[in-house]
Amino acid sequence: MTEPAPVNLIDLGDADGNRCVVRVTSRYQPGVLTGHDILQADVLVSASFVDARLELYLCQQDLDTWQHDLTQLAPGKGATIGGDRGLSLDFFMHEDRTLSLTVQDPDRMSLALGIGPQESWVQDHHQRLEHVRETWPSEVVETAPMTYEWSSNRKR
């Protein structure tokens, strides 16, 4: 079985050259119950003052949180991906619908970036999320605390 092509979960950019991409590249530990549903991603952030590539590991709960935050996003509110395990990306929508992005990697760097995305970016990112879930569906079930088994819908 061949590995799926990478999928951009997040791809935000503007005319000024500010850009943030979260590209899901693979499963962390394919075939291992405790790591199979964890996804590896590259975070690419670029602007006139930075060109960074960082690693991010995403659990299914991170994808659920991202979906919830996108659904609730409005001026004055924010959305987050990543977080308590290391690298996090925090998006805040201003009244003019521009975004402030804060990237925090406790081991390397913290930066803030402004992005003026296209008007339809939220809908586009719901579709991106669905594409990631179709490409790397959840295939592990936690049957009890710290007890896992393969789900009945696992692709072999």
N, C-alpha and C. Protein backbone atom coordinates (compact mmCIF):
# COMPACT_ATOMS: atom_id res chain seq x y z
N MET A 1 0.84 -1.17 0.00
CA MET A 1 0.00 0.00 0.00
C MET A 1 0.89 1.24 0.00
N THR A 2 0.61 2.18 -0.88
CA THR A 2 1.42 3.39 -0.96
C THR A 2 0.92 4.44 0.01
N GLU A 3 1.83 5.23 0.46
CA GLU A 3 1.51 6.31 1.39
C GLU A 3 0.76 7.41 0.65
N PRO A 4 -0.30 7.97 1.24
CA PRO A 4 -1.03 9.07 0.59
C PRO A 4 -0.14 10.30 0.41
N ALA A 5 -0.48 11.12 -0.57
CA ALA A 5 0.23 12.38 -0.78
C ALA A 5 -0.08 13.34 0.37
N PRO A 6 0.86 14.23 0.70
CA PRO A 6 0.60 15.21 1.75
C PRO A 6 -0.62 16.07 1.42
N VAL A 7 -1.30 16.53 2.48
CA VAL A 7 -2.52 17.33 2.35
C VAL A 7 -2.36 18.58 3.22
N ASN A 8 -2.67 19.75 2.66
CA ASN A 8 -2.61 20.99 3.43
C ASN A 8 -3.88 21.15 4.26
N LEU A 9 -3.75 21.00 5.56
CA LEU A 9 -4.85 21.23 6.47
C LEU A 9 -5.13 22.73 6.58
N ILE A 10 -4.07 23.51 6.62
CA ILE A 10 -4.17 24.97 6.68
C ILE A 10 -3.29 25.53 5.57
N ASP A 11 -3.81 26.49 4.84
CA ASP A 11 -3.04 27.19 3.81
C ASP A 11 -3.58 28.60 3.72
N LEU A 12 -2.97 29.49 4.47
CA LEU A 12 -3.39 30.89 4.53
C LEU A 12 -2.26 31.77 4.03
N GLY A 13 -2.59 32.69 3.15
CA GLY A 13 -1.61 33.63 2.64
C GLY A 13 -2.27 34.91 2.22
N ASP A 14 -1.45 35.92 1.97
CA ASP A 14 -1.99 37.19 1.50
C ASP A 14 -1.08 37.80 0.46
N ALA A 15 -1.50 38.92 -0.08
CA ALA A 15 -0.77 39.60 -1.15
C ALA A 15 0.58 40.14 -0.68
N ASP A 16 0.75 40.32 0.62
CA ASP A 16 2.02 40.83 1.16
C ASP A 16 3.07 39.74 1.32
N GLY A 17 2.72 38.49 1.01
CA GLY A 17 3.67 37.39 1.12
C GLY A 17 3.69 36.70 2.47
N ASN A 18 2.78 37.06 3.36
CA ASN A 18 2.68 36.38 4.65
C ASN A 18 1.92 35.07 4.42
N ARG A 19 2.47 33.98 4.95
CA ARG A 19 1.84 32.69 4.67
C ARG A 19 2.07 31.71 5.81
N CYS A 20 1.05 30.90 6.05
CA CYS A 20 1.14 29.81 7.02
C CYS A 20 0.50 28.58 6.39
N VAL A 21 1.25 27.49 6.36
CA VAL A 21 0.76 26.22 5.84
C VAL A 21 1.00 25.15 6.90
N VAL A 22 -0.03 24.34 7.15
CA VAL A 22 0.12 23.13 7.97
C VAL A 22 -0.15 21.97 7.03
N ARG A 23 0.91 21.25 6.68
CA ARG A 23 0.84 20.17 5.69
C ARG A 23 0.95 18.83 6.40
N VAL A 24 -0.14 18.07 6.41
CA VAL A 24 -0.14 16.74 7.02
C VAL A 24 0.56 15.81 6.04
N THR A 25 1.58 15.10 6.53
CA THR A 25 2.43 14.30 5.65
C THR A 25 2.27 12.79 5.83
N SER A 26 1.91 12.36 7.04
CA SER A 26 1.82 10.91 7.27
C SER A 26 1.28 10.62 8.65
N ARG A 27 1.08 9.34 8.90
CA ARG A 27 0.78 8.88 10.26
C ARG A 27 2.11 8.82 11.02
N TYR A 28 2.04 9.06 12.32
CA TYR A 28 3.24 9.05 13.15
C TYR A 28 3.83 7.65 13.24
N GLN A 29 3.02 6.67 13.61
CA GLN A 29 3.47 5.28 13.73
C GLN A 29 2.43 4.36 13.11
N PRO A 30 2.42 4.27 11.79
CA PRO A 30 1.41 3.42 11.15
C PRO A 30 1.51 1.97 11.61
N GLY A 31 0.36 1.38 11.94
CA GLY A 31 0.32 -0.01 12.37
C GLY A 31 0.54 -0.22 13.85
N VAL A 32 0.87 0.84 14.59
CA VAL A 32 1.07 0.75 16.04
C VAL A 32 -0.14 1.41 16.69
N LEU A 33 -0.89 0.64 17.48
CA LEU A 33 -2.15 1.14 18.04
C LEU A 33 -2.03 2.52 18.70
N THR A 34 -1.00 2.74 19.50
CA THR A 34 -0.91 3.99 20.26
C THR A 34 -0.43 5.17 19.42
N GLY A 35 0.11 4.94 18.24
CA GLY A 35 0.60 6.04 17.41
C GLY A 35 -0.01 6.12 16.04
N HIS A 36 -0.87 5.16 15.70
CA HIS A 36 -1.42 5.07 14.34
C HIS A 36 -2.26 6.29 13.96
N ASP A 37 -3.12 6.77 14.86
CA ASP A 37 -4.01 7.88 14.54
C ASP A 37 -3.37 9.25 14.78
N ILE A 38 -2.16 9.30 15.26
CA ILE A 38 -1.45 10.57 15.40
C ILE A 38 -0.86 10.91 14.03
N LEU A 39 -1.09 12.14 13.60
CA LEU A 39 -0.63 12.57 12.28
C LEU A 39 0.58 13.49 12.41
N GLN A 40 1.54 13.31 11.51
CA GLN A 40 2.70 14.19 11.43
C GLN A 40 2.41 15.30 10.45
N ALA A 41 2.82 16.51 10.78
CA ALA A 41 2.60 17.65 9.89
C ALA A 41 3.81 18.58 9.93
N ASP A 42 4.02 19.24 8.81
CA ASP A 42 5.02 20.31 8.72
C ASP A 42 4.28 21.63 8.80
N VAL A 43 4.79 22.54 9.61
CA VAL A 43 4.25 23.89 9.68
C VAL A 43 5.26 24.80 8.98
N LEU A 44 4.79 25.46 7.93
CA LEU A 44 5.65 26.36 7.15
C LEU A 44 5.12 27.77 7.34
N VAL A 45 5.95 28.65 7.88
CA VAL A 45 5.55 30.03 8.12
C VAL A 45 6.56 30.93 7.42
N SER A 46 6.04 31.85 6.62
CA SER A 46 6.95 32.77 5.92
C SER A 46 6.38 34.18 5.89
N ALA A 47 7.29 35.13 5.96
CA ALA A 47 7.00 36.56 5.87
C ALA A 47 8.33 37.23 5.55
N SER A 48 8.34 38.53 5.48
CA SER A 48 9.58 39.23 5.16
C SER A 48 10.67 39.01 6.21
N PHE A 49 10.29 38.67 7.42
CA PHE A 49 11.24 38.53 8.52
C PHE A 49 11.45 37.09 8.99
N VAL A 50 10.75 36.12 8.39
CA VAL A 50 10.88 34.75 8.86
C VAL A 50 10.60 33.77 7.73
N ASP A 51 11.28 32.64 7.78
CA ASP A 51 11.02 31.51 6.89
C ASP A 51 11.30 30.27 7.73
N ALA A 52 10.25 29.71 8.32
CA ALA A 52 10.44 28.63 9.30
C ALA A 52 9.70 27.38 8.88
N ARG A 53 10.29 26.24 9.25
CA ARG A 53 9.66 24.93 9.07
C ARG A 53 9.72 24.23 10.41
N LEU A 54 8.56 23.88 10.96
CA LEU A 54 8.46 23.25 12.27
C LEU A 54 7.65 21.98 12.15
N GLU A 55 7.78 21.08 13.13
CA GLU A 55 7.01 19.85 13.15
C GLU A 55 5.85 19.97 14.12
N LEU A 56 4.74 19.36 13.73
CA LEU A 56 3.54 19.35 14.56
C LEU A 56 2.95 17.95 14.51
N TYR A 57 2.53 17.44 15.65
CA TYR A 57 1.86 16.15 15.74
C TYR A 57 0.41 16.40 16.13
N LEU A 58 -0.51 15.84 15.36
CA LEU A 58 -1.93 16.10 15.56
C LEU A 58 -2.68 14.83 15.95
N CYS A 59 -3.41 14.89 17.06
CA CYS A 59 -4.31 13.81 17.46
C CYS A 59 -5.68 14.09 16.83
N GLN A 60 -6.53 13.08 16.85
CA GLN A 60 -7.89 13.28 16.34
C GLN A 60 -8.61 14.38 17.12
N GLN A 61 -8.32 14.50 18.40
CA GLN A 61 -8.92 15.55 19.22
C GLN A 61 -8.51 16.94 18.72
N ASP A 62 -7.27 17.08 18.24
CA ASP A 62 -6.83 18.36 17.68
C ASP A 62 -7.66 18.73 16.45
N LEU A 63 -7.96 17.73 15.62
CA LEU A 63 -8.78 17.98 14.43
C LEU A 63 -10.20 18.36 14.83
N ASP A 64 -10.73 17.70 15.87
CA ASP A 64 -12.07 18.03 16.37
C ASP A 64 -12.11 19.47 16.90
N THR A 65 -11.08 19.85 17.65
CA THR A 65 -11.01 21.20 18.21
C THR A 65 -10.90 22.23 17.09
N TRP A 66 -10.08 21.95 16.09
CA TRP A 66 -9.92 22.85 14.95
C TRP A 66 -11.27 23.03 14.24
N GLN A 67 -12.00 21.93 14.05
CA GLN A 67 -13.31 22.01 13.39
C GLN A 67 -14.27 22.87 14.22
N HIS A 68 -14.31 22.65 15.50
CA HIS A 68 -15.17 23.43 16.40
C HIS A 68 -14.80 24.91 16.34
N ASP A 69 -13.51 25.21 16.46
CA ASP A 69 -13.06 26.60 16.45
C ASP A 69 -13.38 27.28 15.12
N LEU A 70 -13.20 26.57 14.00
CA LEU A 70 -13.54 27.15 12.70
C LEU A 70 -15.02 27.47 12.61
N THR A 71 -15.85 26.58 13.13
CA THR A 71 -17.30 26.78 13.10
C THR A 71 -17.71 28.00 13.91
N GLN A 72 -17.03 28.25 15.01
CA GLN A 72 -17.37 29.36 15.91
C GLN A 72 -16.65 30.66 15.56
N LEU A 73 -15.71 30.62 14.61
CA LEU A 73 -14.86 31.77 14.34
C LEU A 73 -15.66 32.96 13.80
N ALA A 74 -15.42 34.11 14.41
CA ALA A 74 -16.06 35.37 14.02
C ALA A 74 -15.15 36.49 14.52
N PRO A 75 -15.36 37.71 14.05
CA PRO A 75 -14.55 38.81 14.57
C PRO A 75 -14.57 38.85 16.09
N GLY A 76 -13.38 38.99 16.66
CA GLY A 76 -13.24 39.02 18.11
C GLY A 76 -13.01 37.65 18.73
N LYS A 77 -13.00 36.60 17.92
CA LYS A 77 -12.80 35.24 18.42
C LYS A 77 -11.57 34.62 17.77
N GLY A 78 -11.19 33.44 18.29
CA GLY A 78 -9.99 32.80 17.80
C GLY A 78 -10.17 31.32 17.53
N ALA A 79 -9.13 30.75 16.95
CA ALA A 79 -9.07 29.31 16.67
C ALA A 79 -7.65 28.86 16.96
N THR A 80 -7.52 27.62 17.43
CA THR A 80 -6.22 27.10 17.82
C THR A 80 -6.03 25.70 17.26
N ILE A 81 -4.78 25.40 16.91
CA ILE A 81 -4.44 24.03 16.57
C ILE A 81 -3.10 23.72 17.22
N GLY A 82 -2.96 22.48 17.71
CA GLY A 82 -1.78 22.12 18.49
C GLY A 82 -2.02 22.53 19.93
N GLY A 83 -0.94 22.69 20.66
CA GLY A 83 -1.14 23.22 22.00
C GLY A 83 -0.32 22.59 23.09
N ASP A 84 -0.99 21.89 23.99
CA ASP A 84 -0.38 21.47 25.24
C ASP A 84 0.80 20.52 25.10
N ARG A 85 1.02 19.96 23.93
CA ARG A 85 2.14 19.04 23.74
C ARG A 85 3.35 19.70 23.08
N GLY A 86 3.29 20.99 22.84
CA GLY A 86 4.42 21.67 22.20
C GLY A 86 3.95 22.79 21.31
N LEU A 87 4.25 22.68 20.02
CA LEU A 87 3.93 23.72 19.05
C LEU A 87 2.43 24.02 19.02
N SER A 88 2.10 25.32 19.00
CA SER A 88 0.70 25.72 18.86
C SER A 88 0.59 26.89 17.90
N LEU A 89 -0.53 26.93 17.20
CA LEU A 89 -0.85 28.03 16.31
C LEU A 89 -2.18 28.61 16.78
N ASP A 90 -2.19 29.90 17.06
CA ASP A 90 -3.39 30.58 17.52
C ASP A 90 -3.76 31.66 16.50
N PHE A 91 -4.98 31.58 16.01
CA PHE A 91 -5.50 32.54 15.05
C PHE A 91 -6.54 33.40 15.74
N PHE A 92 -6.47 34.71 15.54
CA PHE A 92 -7.46 35.64 16.09
C PHE A 92 -8.00 36.47 14.95
N MET A 93 -9.34 36.52 14.82
CA MET A 93 -9.96 37.30 13.76
C MET A 93 -10.34 38.69 14.27
N HIS A 94 -9.87 39.70 13.56
CA HIS A 94 -10.18 41.09 13.90
C HIS A 94 -11.50 41.50 13.24
N GLU A 95 -11.99 42.67 13.61
CA GLU A 95 -13.25 43.18 13.07
C GLU A 95 -13.23 43.30 11.55
N ASP A 96 -12.06 43.61 10.97
CA ASP A 96 -11.96 43.72 9.51
C ASP A 96 -11.71 42.36 8.84
N ARG A 97 -11.81 41.28 9.64
CA ARG A 97 -11.67 39.89 9.20
C ARG A 97 -10.23 39.49 8.85
N THR A 98 -9.25 40.36 9.15
CA THR A 98 -7.86 39.95 9.03
C THR A 98 -7.54 39.07 10.23
N LEU A 99 -6.45 38.35 10.12
CA LEU A 99 -6.05 37.42 11.18
C LEU A 99 -4.72 37.81 11.79
N SER A 100 -4.63 37.63 13.08
CA SER A 100 -3.35 37.64 13.76
C SER A 100 -3.02 36.19 14.05
N LEU A 101 -1.85 35.76 13.66
CA LEU A 101 -1.38 34.40 13.91
C LEU A 101 -0.23 34.45 14.89
N THR A 102 -0.33 33.66 15.94
CA THR A 102 0.77 33.51 16.89
C THR A 102 1.23 32.07 16.81
N VAL A 103 2.52 31.88 16.52
CA VAL A 103 3.13 30.56 16.47
C VAL A 103 4.04 30.46 17.68
N GLN A 104 3.78 29.46 18.51
CA GLN A 104 4.60 29.28 19.71
C GLN A 104 5.16 27.88 19.73
N ASP A 105 6.47 27.80 19.67
CA ASP A 105 7.19 26.54 19.82
C ASP A 105 8.11 26.73 21.02
N PRO A 106 7.76 26.13 22.15
CA PRO A 106 8.51 26.38 23.38
C PRO A 106 10.01 26.09 23.26
N ASP A 107 10.38 25.19 22.37
CA ASP A 107 11.79 24.83 22.24
C ASP A 107 12.56 25.71 21.26
N ARG A 108 11.85 26.45 20.41
CA ARG A 108 12.57 27.17 19.35
C ARG A 108 12.24 28.64 19.25
N MET A 109 10.93 28.97 19.11
CA MET A 109 10.61 30.35 18.79
C MET A 109 9.15 30.67 19.08
N SER A 110 8.88 31.96 19.13
CA SER A 110 7.53 32.48 19.17
C SER A 110 7.50 33.64 18.19
N LEU A 111 6.42 33.71 17.41
CA LEU A 111 6.30 34.82 16.48
C LEU A 111 4.85 35.18 16.27
N ALA A 112 4.65 36.42 15.87
CA ALA A 112 3.31 36.92 15.55
C ALA A 112 3.34 37.42 14.11
N LEU A 113 2.24 37.16 13.42
CA LEU A 113 2.16 37.47 12.00
C LEU A 113 0.74 37.90 11.67
N GLY A 114 0.59 38.91 10.86
CA GLY A 114 -0.73 39.32 10.39
C GLY A 114 -0.96 38.77 8.99
N ILE A 115 -2.16 38.24 8.75
CA ILE A 115 -2.51 37.69 7.45
C ILE A 115 -3.89 38.22 7.06
N GLY A 116 -4.01 38.67 5.83
CA GLY A 116 -5.29 39.10 5.28
C GLY A 116 -5.78 38.06 4.29
N PRO A 117 -6.42 36.97 4.77
CA PRO A 117 -6.81 35.87 3.88
C PRO A 117 -8.00 36.23 3.00
N GLN A 118 -8.24 35.39 1.99
CA GLN A 118 -9.40 35.56 1.14
C GLN A 118 -10.67 35.41 1.97
N GLU A 119 -11.74 36.01 1.49
CA GLU A 119 -12.99 36.03 2.25
C GLU A 119 -13.53 34.63 2.55
N SER A 120 -13.35 33.69 1.65
CA SER A 120 -13.94 32.36 1.79
C SER A 120 -13.00 31.36 2.50
N TRP A 121 -12.01 31.84 3.21
CA TRP A 121 -11.01 30.93 3.77
C TRP A 121 -11.59 29.96 4.80
N VAL A 122 -12.59 30.35 5.57
CA VAL A 122 -13.13 29.45 6.59
C VAL A 122 -13.79 28.24 5.93
N GLN A 123 -14.62 28.47 4.92
CA GLN A 123 -15.27 27.37 4.21
C GLN A 123 -14.22 26.48 3.55
N ASP A 124 -13.22 27.10 2.95
CA ASP A 124 -12.13 26.35 2.32
C ASP A 124 -11.44 25.45 3.33
N HIS A 125 -11.25 25.94 4.54
CA HIS A 125 -10.54 25.15 5.55
C HIS A 125 -11.40 24.04 6.15
N HIS A 126 -12.71 24.20 6.14
CA HIS A 126 -13.58 23.07 6.50
C HIS A 126 -13.40 21.95 5.48
N GLN A 127 -13.30 22.29 4.21
CA GLN A 127 -13.07 21.29 3.16
C GLN A 127 -11.69 20.66 3.30
N ARG A 128 -10.70 21.45 3.64
CA ARG A 128 -9.35 20.92 3.85
C ARG A 128 -9.35 19.90 4.99
N LEU A 129 -10.04 20.23 6.08
CA LEU A 129 -10.13 19.32 7.22
C LEU A 129 -10.79 18.01 6.80
N GLU A 130 -11.85 18.09 6.04
CA GLU A 130 -12.53 16.88 5.58
C GLU A 130 -11.60 16.04 4.71
N HIS A 131 -10.81 16.68 3.89
CA HIS A 131 -9.85 15.96 3.04
C HIS A 131 -8.80 15.23 3.88
N VAL A 132 -8.31 15.87 4.93
CA VAL A 132 -7.36 15.21 5.84
C VAL A 132 -8.01 14.00 6.49
N ARG A 133 -9.25 14.14 6.94
CA ARG A 133 -9.94 13.02 7.59
C ARG A 133 -10.23 11.88 6.62
N GLU A 134 -10.49 12.20 5.36
CA GLU A 134 -10.70 11.15 4.37
C GLU A 134 -9.38 10.44 4.04
N THR A 135 -8.29 11.19 4.02
CA THR A 135 -6.98 10.63 3.68
C THR A 135 -6.43 9.78 4.81
N TRP A 136 -6.57 10.25 6.05
CA TRP A 136 -6.07 9.53 7.23
C TRP A 136 -7.20 9.39 8.25
N PRO A 137 -8.16 8.50 7.99
CA PRO A 137 -9.27 8.36 8.93
C PRO A 137 -8.82 7.76 10.27
N SER A 138 -9.57 8.05 11.30
CA SER A 138 -9.31 7.45 12.59
C SER A 138 -9.59 5.95 12.49
N GLU A 139 -8.63 5.14 12.91
CA GLU A 139 -8.77 3.69 12.80
C GLU A 139 -8.53 2.96 14.12
N VAL A 140 -8.39 3.74 15.21
CA VAL A 140 -8.14 3.16 16.52
C VAL A 140 -9.23 3.63 17.48
N VAL A 141 -9.70 2.72 18.33
CA VAL A 141 -10.73 3.03 19.32
C VAL A 141 -10.13 2.82 20.70
N GLU A 142 -10.37 3.77 21.60
CA GLU A 142 -9.96 3.61 23.00
C GLU A 142 -11.14 2.99 23.72
N THR A 143 -11.02 1.71 24.08
CA THR A 143 -12.12 0.96 24.70
C THR A 143 -12.22 1.17 26.20
N ALA A 144 -11.13 1.57 26.81
CA ALA A 144 -11.06 1.90 28.23
C ALA A 144 -9.85 2.81 28.37
N PRO A 145 -9.69 3.49 29.50
CA PRO A 145 -8.51 4.35 29.63
C PRO A 145 -7.22 3.58 29.34
N MET A 146 -6.48 4.10 28.35
CA MET A 146 -5.18 3.53 27.94
C MET A 146 -5.30 2.12 27.34
N THR A 147 -6.47 1.73 26.88
CA THR A 147 -6.69 0.44 26.23
C THR A 147 -7.23 0.70 24.83
N TYR A 148 -6.53 0.19 23.82
CA TYR A 148 -6.86 0.50 22.43
C TYR A 148 -7.07 -0.76 21.62
N GLU A 149 -7.89 -0.63 20.57
CA GLU A 149 -8.04 -1.71 19.60
C GLU A 149 -8.36 -1.09 18.24
N TRP A 150 -8.18 -1.89 17.19
CA TRP A 150 -8.47 -1.41 15.84
C TRP A 150 -9.97 -1.27 15.68
N SER A 151 -10.41 -0.20 15.03
CA SER A 151 -11.84 -0.02 14.77
C SER A 151 -12.26 -0.93 13.62
N SER A 152 -13.54 -1.19 13.54
CA SER A 152 -14.06 -2.09 12.50
C SER A 152 -13.95 -1.49 11.10
N ASN A 153 -13.76 -0.18 10.99
CA ASN A 153 -13.64 0.46 9.68
C ASN A 153 -12.19 0.65 9.23
N ARG A 154 -11.26 -0.04 9.88
CA ARG A 154 -9.85 0.11 9.54
C ARG A 154 -9.57 -0.37 8.12
N LYS A 155 -8.83 0.48 7.36
CA LYS A 155 -8.36 0.09 6.04
C LYS A 155 -7.07 -0.69 6.21
N ARG A 156 -6.94 -1.75 5.51
CA ARG A 156 -5.73 -2.58 5.65
C ARG A 156 -4.79 -2.40 4.51
